[in-house]
Amino acid sequence: MCWYSLIRITVSPPFAEKKNPAKIIQEINQYNQIKESIATKHGVHFVNITSISRKAESNPALLAEDQLHPSGKMCCMWVDKALPVIVNEIKTMDSQNR
């Protein structure tokens, strides 16, 4: 199994100040639910990092200087959330191959 097959991550788009934030949140939540359902159906782990991405609204340190892309700090938070899932999958795969 390839690494990219083990885990799928979804992110929020940049915060749209002049758009309808409630609608964007609703659409992202629906999109994430669909992606999680599809991932589960195909036996692929789904790590939803949207809650971390949304913290950037009140914590500018989570965005890069361009205020569009994630900062290294946010990426580390994503890794911290995804890493246990990846490690567990590796251990499971390893035990099945013995």
Protein backbone atom coordinates (compact mmCIF):
# COMPACT_ATOMS: atom_id res chain seq x y z
CA MET A 1 0.00 0.00 0.00
CA CYS A 2 1.39 3.42 -0.91
CA TRP A 3 1.70 6.10 1.74
CA TYR A 4 -0.79 8.35 0.03
CA SER A 5 -3.31 5.53 0.19
CA LEU A 6 -3.07 5.38 3.96
CA ILE A 7 -4.37 8.82 4.71
CA ARG A 8 -6.23 11.69 3.14
CA ILE A 9 -6.22 15.14 4.66
CA THR A 10 -8.66 17.94 3.99
CA VAL A 11 -8.09 21.62 4.57
CA SER A 12 -10.10 24.78 4.74
CA PRO A 13 -9.67 27.35 2.01
CA PRO A 14 -8.32 30.74 3.05
CA PHE A 15 -10.72 32.75 5.13
CA ALA A 16 -12.87 34.83 2.84
CA GLU A 17 -13.58 38.05 4.66
CA LYS A 18 -16.02 39.46 2.11
CA LYS A 19 -17.78 36.17 1.39
CA ASN A 20 -20.45 34.37 3.37
CA PRO A 21 -18.44 32.63 6.12
CA ALA A 22 -21.41 30.63 7.46
CA LYS A 23 -22.06 29.23 4.00
CA ILE A 24 -18.39 28.41 3.47
CA ILE A 25 -18.23 26.60 6.82
CA GLN A 26 -21.35 24.62 5.97
CA GLU A 27 -20.01 23.66 2.54
CA ILE A 28 -16.63 22.61 3.95
CA ASN A 29 -18.36 20.51 6.61
CA GLN A 30 -20.51 18.81 3.96
CA TYR A 31 -17.47 18.25 1.74
CA ASN A 32 -15.54 16.72 4.64
CA GLN A 33 -18.45 14.41 5.49
CA ILE A 34 -18.59 13.20 1.90
CA LYS A 35 -14.82 12.68 1.77
CA GLU A 36 -14.84 10.82 5.07
CA SER A 37 -17.68 8.59 3.88
CA ILE A 38 -15.88 7.77 0.64
CA ALA A 39 -12.60 7.14 2.47
CA THR A 40 -14.29 4.83 4.96
CA LYS A 41 -16.05 2.96 2.16
CA HIS A 42 -12.67 2.28 0.55
CA GLY A 43 -10.81 1.49 3.77
CA VAL A 44 -8.77 4.69 3.68
CA HIS A 45 -8.08 6.62 6.85
CA PHE A 46 -9.47 10.12 6.95
CA VAL A 47 -7.89 12.79 9.15
CA ASN A 48 -9.95 15.94 9.24
CA ILE A 49 -7.69 18.89 9.98
CA THR A 50 -10.27 21.58 9.29
CA SER A 51 -10.63 22.40 12.99
CA ILE A 52 -6.91 23.21 13.07
CA SER A 53 -7.15 25.30 9.91
CA ARG A 54 -10.02 27.29 11.39
CA LYS A 55 -7.84 28.33 14.32
CA ALA A 56 -5.96 30.60 11.90
CA GLU A 57 -8.88 33.00 11.99
CA SER A 58 -7.91 33.98 15.54
CA ASN A 59 -4.22 33.05 15.41
CA PRO A 60 -2.32 34.76 12.57
CA ALA A 61 0.81 32.76 13.45
CA LEU A 62 -0.85 29.79 11.77
CA LEU A 63 -0.69 31.50 8.38
CA ALA A 64 2.35 32.25 6.24
CA GLU A 65 3.33 35.84 5.54
CA ASP A 66 1.01 35.93 2.53
CA GLN A 67 -1.94 35.28 4.91
CA LEU A 68 -3.14 32.65 2.45
CA HIS A 69 -1.08 29.53 2.98
CA PRO A 70 -0.50 27.59 6.20
CA SER A 71 2.56 28.42 8.26
CA GLY A 72 5.07 25.85 9.41
CA LYS A 73 3.37 25.95 12.79
CA MET A 74 0.03 24.93 11.29
CA CYS A 75 1.66 22.20 9.23
CA CYS A 76 3.23 20.83 12.42
CA MET A 77 -0.22 20.78 14.03
CA TRP A 78 -1.56 18.84 11.05
CA VAL A 79 1.30 16.35 11.34
CA ASP A 80 0.68 15.97 15.08
CA LYS A 81 -2.92 15.03 14.34
CA ALA A 82 -2.19 12.71 11.42
CA LEU A 83 0.97 11.02 12.68
CA PRO A 84 -0.69 8.71 15.24
CA VAL A 85 -3.03 7.41 12.52
CA ILE A 86 -0.11 6.79 10.18
CA VAL A 87 2.02 5.12 12.85
CA ASN A 88 -0.87 2.87 13.86
CA GLU A 89 -1.47 1.87 10.24
CA ILE A 90 2.22 1.05 9.77
CA LYS A 91 2.17 -1.11 12.90
CA THR A 92 -0.97 -2.86 11.70
CA MET A 93 0.51 -3.50 8.26
CA ASP A 94 3.75 -4.72 9.83
CA SER A 95 1.97 -7.18 12.15
CA GLN A 96 -0.08 -8.52 9.23
CA ASN A 97 3.06 -9.15 7.19
CA ARG A 98 4.74 -11.27 9.88
